[in-house]
Amino acid sequence: MGSEQFSLIFSVVCCCISVISAIVAGAYGLEAHKDFQEFKKAEAEKKRAKELRNFINDLQKR
């Protein structure tokens, strides 16, 4: 096997590794985005619940 063939094979292997790494990173990024969206939704629900509790407490004080 000549050095040109070795160089070509090495380049193809590196390219495949890069593509696989990009796919894996994208999958992790998508999962992190979903988790962040769920976190934001939960925080918004907690805020609404707190506002509702405060509103009810204000009504009870009157």
PDB file of N, CA and C in Angstrom:
ATOM      1  N   MET A   1       0.860  -1.175   0.000  1.00  0.00           N
ATOM      2  CA  MET A   1       0.000   0.000   0.000  1.00  0.00           C
ATOM      3  C   MET A   1       0.899   1.228   0.000  1.00  0.00           C
ATOM      4  N   GLY A   2       0.658   2.101  -0.963  1.00  0.00           N
ATOM      5  CA  GLY A   2       1.474   3.293  -1.088  1.00  0.00           C
ATOM      6  C   GLY A   2       1.037   4.377  -0.123  1.00  0.00           C
ATOM      7  N   SER A   3       1.870   5.377  -0.027  1.00  0.00           N
ATOM      8  CA  SER A   3       1.568   6.469   0.892  1.00  0.00           C
ATOM      9  C   SER A   3       0.341   7.259   0.439  1.00  0.00           C
ATOM     10  N   GLU A   4       0.091   7.305  -0.875  1.00  0.00           N
ATOM     11  CA  GLU A   4      -1.100   8.017  -1.359  1.00  0.00           C
ATOM     12  C   GLU A   4      -2.374   7.284  -0.940  1.00  0.00           C
ATOM     13  N   GLN A   5      -2.346   5.944  -1.035  1.00  0.00           N
ATOM     14  CA  GLN A   5      -3.515   5.168  -0.614  1.00  0.00           C
ATOM     15  C   GLN A   5      -3.741   5.313   0.891  1.00  0.00           C
ATOM     16  N   PHE A   6      -2.647   5.241   1.643  1.00  0.00           N
ATOM     17  CA  PHE A   6      -2.750   5.399   3.090  1.00  0.00           C
ATOM     18  C   PHE A   6      -3.318   6.771   3.439  1.00  0.00           C
ATOM     19  N   SER A   7      -2.832   7.789   2.761  1.00  0.00           N
ATOM     20  CA  SER A   7      -3.304   9.149   3.007  1.00  0.00           C
ATOM     21  C   SER A   7      -4.791   9.271   2.685  1.00  0.00           C
ATOM     22  N   LEU A   8      -5.226   8.660   1.595  1.00  0.00           N
ATOM     23  CA  LEU A   8      -6.634   8.703   1.212  1.00  0.00           C
ATOM     24  C   LEU A   8      -7.500   7.983   2.244  1.00  0.00           C
ATOM     25  N   ILE A   9      -7.071   6.793   2.642  1.00  0.00           N
ATOM     26  CA  ILE A   9      -7.826   6.028   3.644  1.00  0.00           C
ATOM     27  C   ILE A   9      -7.880   6.795   4.959  1.00  0.00           C
ATOM     28  N   PHE A  10      -6.766   7.364   5.358  1.00  0.00           N
ATOM     29  CA  PHE A  10      -6.716   8.139   6.596  1.00  0.00           C
ATOM     30  C   PHE A  10      -7.674   9.330   6.522  1.00  0.00           C
ATOM     31  N   SER A  11      -7.705  10.006   5.398  1.00  0.00           N
ATOM     32  CA  SER A  11      -8.599  11.156   5.222  1.00  0.00           C
ATOM     33  C   SER A  11     -10.060  10.737   5.288  1.00  0.00           C
ATOM     34  N   VAL A  12     -10.395   9.609   4.663  1.00  0.00           N
ATOM     35  CA  VAL A  12     -11.775   9.119   4.687  1.00  0.00           C
ATOM     36  C   VAL A  12     -12.180   8.747   6.110  1.00  0.00           C
ATOM     37  N   VAL A  13     -11.294   8.077   6.830  1.00  0.00           N
ATOM     38  CA  VAL A  13     -11.588   7.697   8.217  1.00  0.00           C
ATOM     39  C   VAL A  13     -11.795   8.942   9.077  1.00  0.00           C
ATOM     40  N   CYS A  14     -10.930   9.935   8.917  1.00  0.00           N
ATOM     41  CA  CYS A  14     -11.073  11.183   9.683  1.00  0.00           C
ATOM     42  C   CYS A  14     -12.384  11.886   9.348  1.00  0.00           C
ATOM     43  N   CYS A  15     -12.756  11.860   8.092  1.00  0.00           N
ATOM     44  CA  CYS A  15     -14.014  12.474   7.663  1.00  0.00           C
ATOM     45  C   CYS A  15     -15.201  11.759   8.306  1.00  0.00           C
ATOM     46  N   CYS A  16     -15.170  10.434   8.308  1.00  0.00           N
ATOM     47  CA  CYS A  16     -16.251   9.665   8.923  1.00  0.00           C
ATOM     48  C   CYS A  16     -16.357   9.954  10.416  1.00  0.00           C
ATOM     49  N   ILE A  17     -15.226  10.021  11.080  1.00  0.00           N
ATOM     50  CA  ILE A  17     -15.221  10.330  12.511  1.00  0.00           C
ATOM     51  C   ILE A  17     -15.801  11.720  12.756  1.00  0.00           C
ATOM     52  N   SER A  18     -15.449  12.671  11.917  1.00  0.00           N
ATOM     53  CA  SER A  18     -15.972  14.031  12.063  1.00  0.00           C
ATOM     54  C   SER A  18     -17.484  14.071  11.877  1.00  0.00           C
ATOM     55  N   VAL A  19     -17.977  13.358  10.874  1.00  0.00           N
ATOM     56  CA  VAL A  19     -19.421  13.331  10.620  1.00  0.00           C
ATOM     57  C   VAL A  19     -20.155  12.678  11.784  1.00  0.00           C
ATOM     58  N   ILE A  20     -19.640  11.563  12.268  1.00  0.00           N
ATOM     59  CA  ILE A  20     -20.269  10.875  13.400  1.00  0.00           C
ATOM     60  C   ILE A  20     -20.250  11.767  14.637  1.00  0.00           C
ATOM     61  N   SER A  21     -19.143  12.457  14.872  1.00  0.00           N
ATOM     62  CA  SER A  21     -19.054  13.370  16.013  1.00  0.00           C
ATOM     63  C   SER A  21     -20.075  14.495  15.903  1.00  0.00           C
ATOM     64  N   ALA A  22     -20.249  15.021  14.706  1.00  0.00           N
ATOM     65  CA  ALA A  22     -21.230  16.093  14.501  1.00  0.00           C
ATOM     66  C   ALA A  22     -22.648  15.589  14.753  1.00  0.00           C
ATOM     67  N   ILE A  23     -22.947  14.379  14.314  1.00  0.00           N
ATOM     68  CA  ILE A  23     -24.280  13.807  14.537  1.00  0.00           C
ATOM     69  C   ILE A  23     -24.533  13.605  16.029  1.00  0.00           C
ATOM     70  N   VAL A  24     -23.555  13.068  16.727  1.00  0.00           N
ATOM     71  CA  VAL A  24     -23.696  12.841  18.170  1.00  0.00           C
ATOM     72  C   VAL A  24     -23.856  14.171  18.906  1.00  0.00           C
ATOM     73  N   ALA A  25     -23.049  15.159  18.542  1.00  0.00           N
ATOM     74  CA  ALA A  25     -23.154  16.473  19.184  1.00  0.00           C
ATOM     75  C   ALA A  25     -24.520  17.097  18.916  1.00  0.00           C
ATOM     76  N   GLY A  26     -25.023  16.941  17.707  1.00  0.00           N
ATOM     77  CA  GLY A  26     -26.355  17.456  17.389  1.00  0.00           C
ATOM     78  C   GLY A  26     -27.438  16.784  18.207  1.00  0.00           C
ATOM     79  N   ALA A  27     -27.314  15.477  18.388  1.00  0.00           N
ATOM     80  CA  ALA A  27     -28.303  14.746  19.184  1.00  0.00           C
ATOM     81  C   ALA A  27     -28.277  15.213  20.635  1.00  0.00           C
ATOM     82  N   TYR A  28     -27.079  15.383  21.199  1.00  0.00           N
ATOM     83  CA  TYR A  28     -26.977  15.888  22.570  1.00  0.00           C
ATOM     84  C   TYR A  28     -27.517  17.311  22.670  1.00  0.00           C
ATOM     85  N   GLY A  29     -27.244  18.127  21.668  1.00  0.00           N
ATOM     86  CA  GLY A  29     -27.747  19.506  21.664  1.00  0.00           C
ATOM     87  C   GLY A  29     -29.259  19.548  21.613  1.00  0.00           C
ATOM     88  N   LEU A  30     -29.861  18.682  20.802  1.00  0.00           N
ATOM     89  CA  LEU A  30     -31.320  18.626  20.706  1.00  0.00           C
ATOM     90  C   LEU A  30     -31.926  18.193  22.033  1.00  0.00           C
ATOM     91  N   GLU A  31     -31.325  17.205  22.669  1.00  0.00           N
ATOM     92  CA  GLU A  31     -31.823  16.734  23.964  1.00  0.00           C
ATOM     93  C   GLU A  31     -31.706  17.834  25.017  1.00  0.00           C
ATOM     94  N   ALA A  32     -30.583  18.548  25.011  1.00  0.00           N
ATOM     95  CA  ALA A  32     -30.404  19.648  25.966  1.00  0.00           C
ATOM     96  C   ALA A  32     -31.435  20.739  25.723  1.00  0.00           C
ATOM     97  N   HIS A  33     -31.747  21.003  24.463  1.00  0.00           N
ATOM     98  CA  HIS A  33     -32.749  22.024  24.141  1.00  0.00           C
ATOM     99  C   HIS A  33     -34.120  21.606  24.673  1.00  0.00           C
ATOM    100  N   LYS A  34     -34.466  20.333  24.506  1.00  0.00           N
ATOM    101  CA  LYS A  34     -35.749  19.844  25.018  1.00  0.00           C
ATOM    102  C   LYS A  34     -35.802  19.976  26.536  1.00  0.00           C
ATOM    103  N   ASP A  35     -34.710  19.596  27.211  1.00  0.00           N
ATOM    104  CA  ASP A  35     -34.664  19.710  28.665  1.00  0.00           C
ATOM    105  C   ASP A  35     -34.804  21.159  29.102  1.00  0.00           C
ATOM    106  N   PHE A  36     -34.160  22.075  28.382  1.00  0.00           N
ATOM    107  CA  PHE A  36     -34.242  23.491  28.724  1.00  0.00           C
ATOM    108  C   PHE A  36     -35.662  24.009  28.530  1.00  0.00           C
ATOM    109  N   GLN A  37     -36.345  23.567  27.466  1.00  0.00           N
ATOM    110  CA  GLN A  37     -37.730  23.986  27.241  1.00  0.00           C
ATOM    111  C   GLN A  37     -38.632  23.491  28.375  1.00  0.00           C
ATOM    112  N   GLU A  38     -38.421  22.257  28.824  1.00  0.00           N
ATOM    113  CA  GLU A  38     -39.199  21.728  29.946  1.00  0.00           C
ATOM    114  C   GLU A  38     -38.910  22.516  31.215  1.00  0.00           C
ATOM    115  N   PHE A  39     -37.654  22.888  31.426  1.00  0.00           N
ATOM    116  CA  PHE A  39     -37.282  23.679  32.597  1.00  0.00           C
ATOM    117  C   PHE A  39     -37.982  25.032  32.565  1.00  0.00           C
ATOM    118  N   LYS A  40     -37.973  25.690  31.399  1.00  0.00           N
ATOM    119  CA  LYS A  40     -38.629  26.989  31.279  1.00  0.00           C
ATOM    120  C   LYS A  40     -40.126  26.870  31.538  1.00  0.00           C
ATOM    121  N   LYS A  41     -40.739  25.805  31.037  1.00  0.00           N
ATOM    122  CA  LYS A  41     -42.172  25.600  31.250  1.00  0.00           C
ATOM    123  C   LYS A  41     -42.465  25.399  32.737  1.00  0.00           C
ATOM    124  N   ALA A  42     -41.639  24.608  33.412  1.00  0.00           N
ATOM    125  CA  ALA A  42     -41.837  24.366  34.842  1.00  0.00           C
ATOM    126  C   ALA A  42     -41.659  25.654  35.640  1.00  0.00           C
ATOM    127  N   GLU A  43     -40.671  26.464  35.276  1.00  0.00           N
ATOM    128  CA  GLU A  43     -40.465  27.738  35.967  1.00  0.00           C
ATOM    129  C   GLU A  43     -41.659  28.665  35.768  1.00  0.00           C
ATOM    130  N   ALA A  44     -42.210  28.699  34.574  1.00  0.00           N
ATOM    131  CA  ALA A  44     -43.380  29.543  34.301  1.00  0.00           C
ATOM    132  C   ALA A  44     -44.584  29.065  35.114  1.00  0.00           C
ATOM    133  N   GLU A  45     -44.754  27.752  35.230  1.00  0.00           N
ATOM    134  CA  GLU A  45     -45.861  27.214  36.023  1.00  0.00           C
ATOM    135  C   GLU A  45     -45.694  27.563  37.495  1.00  0.00           C
ATOM    136  N   LYS A  46     -44.467  27.484  38.012  1.00  0.00           N
ATOM    137  CA  LYS A  46     -44.223  27.859  39.406  1.00  0.00           C
ATOM    138  C   LYS A  46     -44.529  29.336  39.626  1.00  0.00           C
ATOM    139  N   LYS A  47     -44.156  30.169  38.667  1.00  0.00           N
ATOM    140  CA  LYS A  47     -44.417  31.606  38.787  1.00  0.00           C
ATOM    141  C   LYS A  47     -45.921  31.876  38.791  1.00  0.00           C
ATOM    142  N   ARG A  48     -46.658  31.219  37.899  1.00  0.00           N
ATOM    143  CA  ARG A  48     -48.116  31.404  37.863  1.00  0.00           C
ATOM    144  C   ARG A  48     -48.757  30.924  39.161  1.00  0.00           C
ATOM    145  N   ALA A  49     -48.282  29.816  39.702  1.00  0.00           N
ATOM    146  CA  ALA A  49     -48.833  29.295  40.954  1.00  0.00           C
ATOM    147  C   ALA A  49     -48.579  30.276  42.095  1.00  0.00           C
ATOM    148  N   LYS A  50     -47.393  30.855  42.128  1.00  0.00           N
ATOM    149  CA  LYS A  50     -47.069  31.825  43.177  1.00  0.00           C
ATOM    150  C   LYS A  50     -47.949  33.066  43.046  1.00  0.00           C
ATOM    151  N   GLU A  51     -48.129  33.544  41.814  1.00  0.00           N
ATOM    152  CA  GLU A  51     -48.989  34.708  41.599  1.00  0.00           C
ATOM    153  C   GLU A  51     -50.424  34.407  42.005  1.00  0.00           C
ATOM    154  N   LEU A  52     -50.893  33.200  41.714  1.00  0.00           N
ATOM    155  CA  LEU A  52     -52.249  32.817  42.097  1.00  0.00           C
ATOM    156  C   LEU A  52     -52.383  32.749  43.611  1.00  0.00           C
ATOM    157  N   ARG A  53     -51.381  32.182  44.292  1.00  0.00           N
ATOM    158  CA  ARG A  53     -51.416  32.136  45.759  1.00  0.00           C
ATOM    159  C   ARG A  53     -51.450  33.542  46.341  1.00  0.00           C
ATOM    160  N   ASN A  54     -50.629  34.434  45.797  1.00  0.00           N
ATOM    161  CA  ASN A  54     -50.619  35.815  46.283  1.00  0.00           C
ATOM    162  C   ASN A  54     -51.968  36.483  46.054  1.00  0.00           C
ATOM    163  N   PHE A  55     -52.576  36.242  44.902  1.00  0.00           N
ATOM    164  CA  PHE A  55     -53.877  36.820  44.589  1.00  0.00           C
ATOM    165  C   PHE A  55     -54.934  36.316  45.569  1.00  0.00           C
ATOM    166  N   ILE A  56     -54.922  35.005  45.837  1.00  0.00           N
ATOM    167  CA  ILE A  56     -55.888  34.428  46.777  1.00  0.00           C
ATOM    168  C   ILE A  56     -55.668  34.991  48.173  1.00  0.00           C
ATOM    169  N   ASN A  57     -54.417  35.115  48.591  1.00  0.00           N
ATOM    170  CA  ASN A  57     -54.127  35.687  49.908  1.00  0.00           C
ATOM    171  C   ASN A  57     -54.619  37.121  50.002  1.00  0.00           C
ATOM    172  N   ASP A  58     -54.436  37.896  48.949  1.00  0.00           N
ATOM    173  CA  ASP A  58     -54.920  39.278  48.940  1.00  0.00           C
ATOM    174  C   ASP A  58     -56.438  39.319  49.052  1.00  0.00           C
ATOM    175  N   LEU A  59     -57.125  38.417  48.366  1.00  0.00           N
ATOM    176  CA  LEU A  59     -58.587  38.375  48.457  1.00  0.00           C
ATOM    177  C   LEU A  59     -59.048  38.001  49.860  1.00  0.00           C
ATOM    178  N   GLN A  60     -58.333  37.093  50.502  1.00  0.00           N
ATOM    179  CA  GLN A  60     -58.719  36.664  51.846  1.00  0.00           C
ATOM    180  C   GLN A  60     -58.505  37.771  52.868  1.00  0.00           C
ATOM    181  N   LYS A  61     -57.535  38.633  52.632  1.00  0.00           N
ATOM    182  CA  LYS A  61     -57.255  39.730  53.563  1.00  0.00           C
ATOM    183  C   LYS A  61     -58.328  40.807  53.505  1.00  0.00           C
ATOM    184  N   ARG A  62     -59.041  40.899  52.408  1.00  0.00           N
ATOM    185  CA  ARG A  62     -60.052  41.964  52.249  1.00  0.00           C
ATOM    186  C   ARG A  62     -61.326  41.650  52.953  1.00  0.00           C
TER     187      ARG A  62
END
